[in-house]
Amino acid sequence: MGVAEDNTVRLCGVIVAREALRWTPARVPVLEMRIEHQSRQMEAGAEREVFCELKVRAIGPAAQQIEVVALGSRLAMEGFLAARSARNRAPVLHIRTFELLEGN
């Protein structure tokens, strides 16, 4: 298997939905939300409009910090992708670090 750098994602987006903070049996806080990303990117020499919505999961102190951030706020996030669960292989961005961006 590769090292952590093989699965690092940086993304800016707007919080469009958030579930209630929940706690694991080990009393670790978990927060699930959806982020909407929109930007212009270069691909094959042409600029294109990019839009996507992604499920995001914050665990531990990050979950408690993001819980109080208002819906519609813009975040810069860094983390890694993992399957939602053993049965659902859809990707979820797990946040390692985040920053609230100006202009919210």
Protein backbone atom coordinates (compact mmCIF):
# COMPACT_ATOMS: atom_id res chain seq x y z
CA MET A 1 0.00 0.00 0.00
CA GLY A 2 1.00 3.61 -0.57
CA VAL A 3 1.76 6.34 1.89
CA ALA A 4 -0.66 9.06 3.05
CA GLU A 5 0.38 11.42 0.23
CA ASP A 6 -1.17 8.99 -2.26
CA ASN A 7 -4.65 9.95 -1.03
CA THR A 8 -4.71 13.65 -0.20
CA VAL A 9 -7.54 15.87 -1.40
CA ARG A 10 -7.75 19.67 -1.12
CA LEU A 11 -11.11 21.19 -1.92
CA CYS A 12 -13.00 24.43 -1.31
CA GLY A 13 -16.75 24.33 -1.06
CA VAL A 14 -19.95 25.55 0.53
CA ILE A 15 -21.73 23.58 3.27
CA VAL A 16 -25.13 22.76 1.75
CA ALA A 17 -26.38 20.17 4.27
CA ARG A 18 -25.32 18.84 7.65
CA GLU A 19 -26.58 16.04 9.86
CA ALA A 20 -26.71 16.25 13.64
CA LEU A 21 -23.47 15.57 15.48
CA ARG A 22 -23.37 11.93 16.59
CA TRP A 23 -21.07 10.00 18.89
CA THR A 24 -19.43 6.62 18.32
CA PRO A 25 -19.63 3.97 21.07
CA ALA A 26 -16.09 5.08 22.00
CA ARG A 27 -17.49 8.66 22.51
CA VAL A 28 -15.76 10.13 19.44
CA PRO A 29 -17.81 12.88 17.73
CA VAL A 30 -18.73 12.37 14.05
CA LEU A 31 -20.29 14.93 11.72
CA GLU A 32 -21.59 14.14 8.23
CA MET A 33 -22.34 16.88 5.71
CA ARG A 34 -22.46 17.71 2.01
CA ILE A 35 -20.20 20.24 0.31
CA GLU A 36 -20.89 21.90 -3.04
CA HIS A 37 -17.83 22.83 -5.11
CA GLN A 38 -17.78 25.11 -8.16
CA SER A 39 -14.71 26.36 -10.03
CA ARG A 40 -13.07 26.85 -13.41
CA GLN A 41 -10.34 24.35 -14.29
CA MET A 42 -7.99 23.80 -17.21
CA GLU A 43 -8.34 20.44 -18.95
CA ALA A 44 -6.67 19.44 -22.22
CA GLY A 45 -5.79 23.08 -22.91
CA ALA A 46 -9.34 24.38 -22.43
CA GLU A 47 -11.01 26.04 -19.48
CA ARG A 48 -14.16 24.38 -18.21
CA GLU A 49 -16.73 24.98 -15.48
CA VAL A 50 -16.58 22.29 -12.76
CA PHE A 51 -19.40 21.54 -10.33
CA CYS A 52 -19.82 18.67 -7.88
CA GLU A 53 -21.40 17.80 -4.56
CA LEU A 54 -19.49 15.55 -2.18
CA LYS A 55 -20.25 13.83 1.10
CA VAL A 56 -17.85 14.90 3.83
CA ARG A 57 -17.13 13.38 7.26
CA ALA A 58 -15.36 15.07 10.16
CA ILE A 59 -14.29 13.00 13.17
CA GLY A 60 -13.00 14.17 16.53
CA PRO A 61 -12.33 17.84 17.33
CA ALA A 62 -12.92 18.88 13.69
CA ALA A 63 -16.50 17.55 13.95
CA GLN A 64 -17.22 19.71 16.98
CA GLN A 65 -15.61 22.77 15.37
CA ILE A 66 -17.52 22.45 12.08
CA GLU A 67 -20.82 21.75 13.88
CA VAL A 68 -21.12 25.45 14.81
CA VAL A 69 -20.26 26.75 11.31
CA ALA A 70 -23.37 28.07 9.52
CA LEU A 71 -24.87 26.38 6.48
CA GLY A 72 -23.81 28.30 3.38
CA SER A 73 -20.32 28.94 4.79
CA ARG A 74 -17.30 28.35 2.56
CA LEU A 75 -14.55 26.03 3.75
CA ALA A 76 -11.12 25.05 2.46
CA MET A 77 -10.61 21.41 3.44
CA GLU A 78 -7.82 18.90 3.26
CA GLY A 79 -8.29 15.21 3.87
CA PHE A 80 -8.54 11.84 2.20
CA LEU A 81 -11.12 9.79 0.32
CA ALA A 82 -12.55 6.56 1.71
CA ALA A 83 -15.58 4.39 1.00
CA ARG A 84 -18.72 5.43 2.87
CA SER A 85 -18.99 1.94 4.40
CA ALA A 86 -18.14 -1.69 3.67
CA ARG A 87 -21.39 -2.00 1.69
CA ASN A 88 -21.45 1.46 0.08
CA ARG A 89 -18.28 2.10 -1.92
CA ALA A 90 -19.19 5.73 -2.82
CA PRO A 91 -16.38 8.13 -1.83
CA VAL A 92 -16.54 10.34 1.25
CA LEU A 93 -14.01 13.08 1.97
CA HIS A 94 -12.66 12.66 5.51
CA ILE A 95 -11.47 16.04 6.77
CA ARG A 96 -8.07 16.25 8.44
CA THR A 97 -7.88 20.07 8.49
CA PHE A 98 -10.15 22.90 7.43
CA GLU A 99 -10.27 26.68 7.29
CA LEU A 100 -13.31 28.93 7.23
CA LEU A 101 -12.93 31.20 4.19
CA GLU A 102 -13.69 34.93 4.14
CA GLY A 103 -16.74 36.26 2.40
CA ASN A 104 -19.39 34.03 4.05
